[in-house]
C-alpha atoms as a PDB file:
ATOM      1  CA  MET A   1      -3.992 -11.383   1.674  1.00  0.00           C
ATOM      2  CA  MET A   2      -0.404 -10.775   0.636  1.00  0.00           C
ATOM      3  CA  LYS A   3       2.157 -11.434   3.325  1.00  0.00           C
ATOM      4  CA  THR A   4       5.292  -9.832   1.936  1.00  0.00           C
ATOM      5  CA  ASN A   5       7.462  -7.167   3.432  1.00  0.00           C
ATOM      6  CA  LEU A   6       8.096  -3.895   1.700  1.00  0.00           C
ATOM      7  CA  SER A   7      11.603  -2.553   1.306  1.00  0.00           C
ATOM      8  CA  LYS A   8      12.840  -0.064   3.851  1.00  0.00           C
ATOM      9  CA  THR A   9      12.838   2.591   1.106  1.00  0.00           C
ATOM     10  CA  ALA A  10       9.206   1.846   0.211  1.00  0.00           C
ATOM     11  CA  ILE A  11       8.170   2.063   3.863  1.00  0.00           C
ATOM     12  CA  GLN A  12       9.993   5.386   4.272  1.00  0.00           C
ATOM     13  CA  GLU A  13       8.273   6.736   1.155  1.00  0.00           C
ATOM     14  CA  PHE A  14       4.881   5.611   2.491  1.00  0.00           C
ATOM     15  CA  ILE A  15       5.609   7.257   5.856  1.00  0.00           C
ATOM     16  CA  GLN A  16       6.444  10.534   4.105  1.00  0.00           C
ATOM     17  CA  LEU A  17       3.362  10.395   1.860  1.00  0.00           C
ATOM     18  CA  TYR A  18       1.152   9.622   4.866  1.00  0.00           C
ATOM     19  CA  LYS A  19       2.658  12.531   6.815  1.00  0.00           C
ATOM     20  CA  ASP A  20       2.187  14.895   3.848  1.00  0.00           C
ATOM     21  CA  GLU A  21      -1.448  13.848   3.409  1.00  0.00           C
ATOM     22  CA  PHE A  22      -2.645  13.426   7.018  1.00  0.00           C
ATOM     23  CA  ASP A  23       0.003  15.300   9.067  1.00  0.00           C
ATOM     24  CA  ILE A  24       0.568  12.140  11.137  1.00  0.00           C
ATOM     25  CA  GLU A  25       3.983  10.518  11.375  1.00  0.00           C
ATOM     26  CA  LEU A  26       3.862   6.725  11.469  1.00  0.00           C
ATOM     27  CA  THR A  27       6.535   4.414  12.795  1.00  0.00           C
ATOM     28  CA  GLU A  28       7.887   1.729  10.470  1.00  0.00           C
ATOM     29  CA  LYS A  29       5.954  -0.843  12.515  1.00  0.00           C
ATOM     30  CA  GLU A  30       2.694   1.095  11.948  1.00  0.00           C
ATOM     31  CA  ALA A  31       3.434   1.878   8.309  1.00  0.00           C
ATOM     32  CA  GLN A  32       4.141  -1.677   7.117  1.00  0.00           C
ATOM     33  CA  PRO A  33       0.612  -3.117   7.587  1.00  0.00           C
ATOM     34  CA  ARG A  34      -1.084   0.093   6.428  1.00  0.00           C
ATOM     35  CA  ALA A  35       0.964   0.149   3.241  1.00  0.00           C
ATOM     36  CA  MET A  36       0.250  -3.542   2.608  1.00  0.00           C
ATOM     37  CA  ARG A  37      -3.497  -3.003   3.108  1.00  0.00           C
ATOM     38  CA  LEU A  38      -3.381  -0.122   0.638  1.00  0.00           C
ATOM     39  CA  LEU A  39      -1.519  -2.233  -1.922  1.00  0.00           C
ATOM     40  CA  ASN A  40      -4.028  -5.069  -1.486  1.00  0.00           C
ATOM     41  CA  LEU A  41      -6.910  -2.641  -1.965  1.00  0.00           C
ATOM     42  CA  ILE A  42      -5.385  -1.247  -5.146  1.00  0.00           C
ATOM     43  CA  LYS A  43      -4.666  -4.759  -6.418  1.00  0.00           C
ATOM     44  CA  ASN A  44      -8.315  -5.736  -5.903  1.00  0.00           C
ATOM     45  CA  ILE A  45      -9.744  -2.547  -7.404  1.00  0.00           C
ATOM     46  CA  TYR A  46      -7.669  -2.732 -10.577  1.00  0.00           C
ATOM     47  CA  ARG A  47      -8.579  -6.316 -11.450  1.00  0.00           C
ATOM     48  CA  PRO A  48     -10.239  -6.612 -14.824  1.00  0.00           C
ATOM     49  CA  LEU A  49     -13.927  -7.508 -14.468  1.00  0.00           C
ATOM     50  CA  SER A  50     -13.819  -9.901 -17.390  1.00  0.00           C
ATOM     51  CA  GLN A  51     -11.709 -10.752 -20.370  1.00  0.00           C
ATOM     52  CA  PRO A  52     -12.896  -9.295 -23.685  1.00  0.00           C
ATOM     53  CA  LYS A  53     -14.434 -11.869 -26.041  1.00  0.00           C
ATOM     54  CA  PRO A  54     -12.822 -12.160 -29.494  1.00  0.00           C
END
């Protein structure tokens, strides 16, 4: 699992997106791990299954 911190701007954008989608306002402390879990999920989903053979 990635253990990096998002920028304050990225966290604020995530908080706004989360509020727009779910009508729940997160604190920065709540938003940081949720945003990181989402990024990890996306990273894992978008991995190529295999490399094409020439």
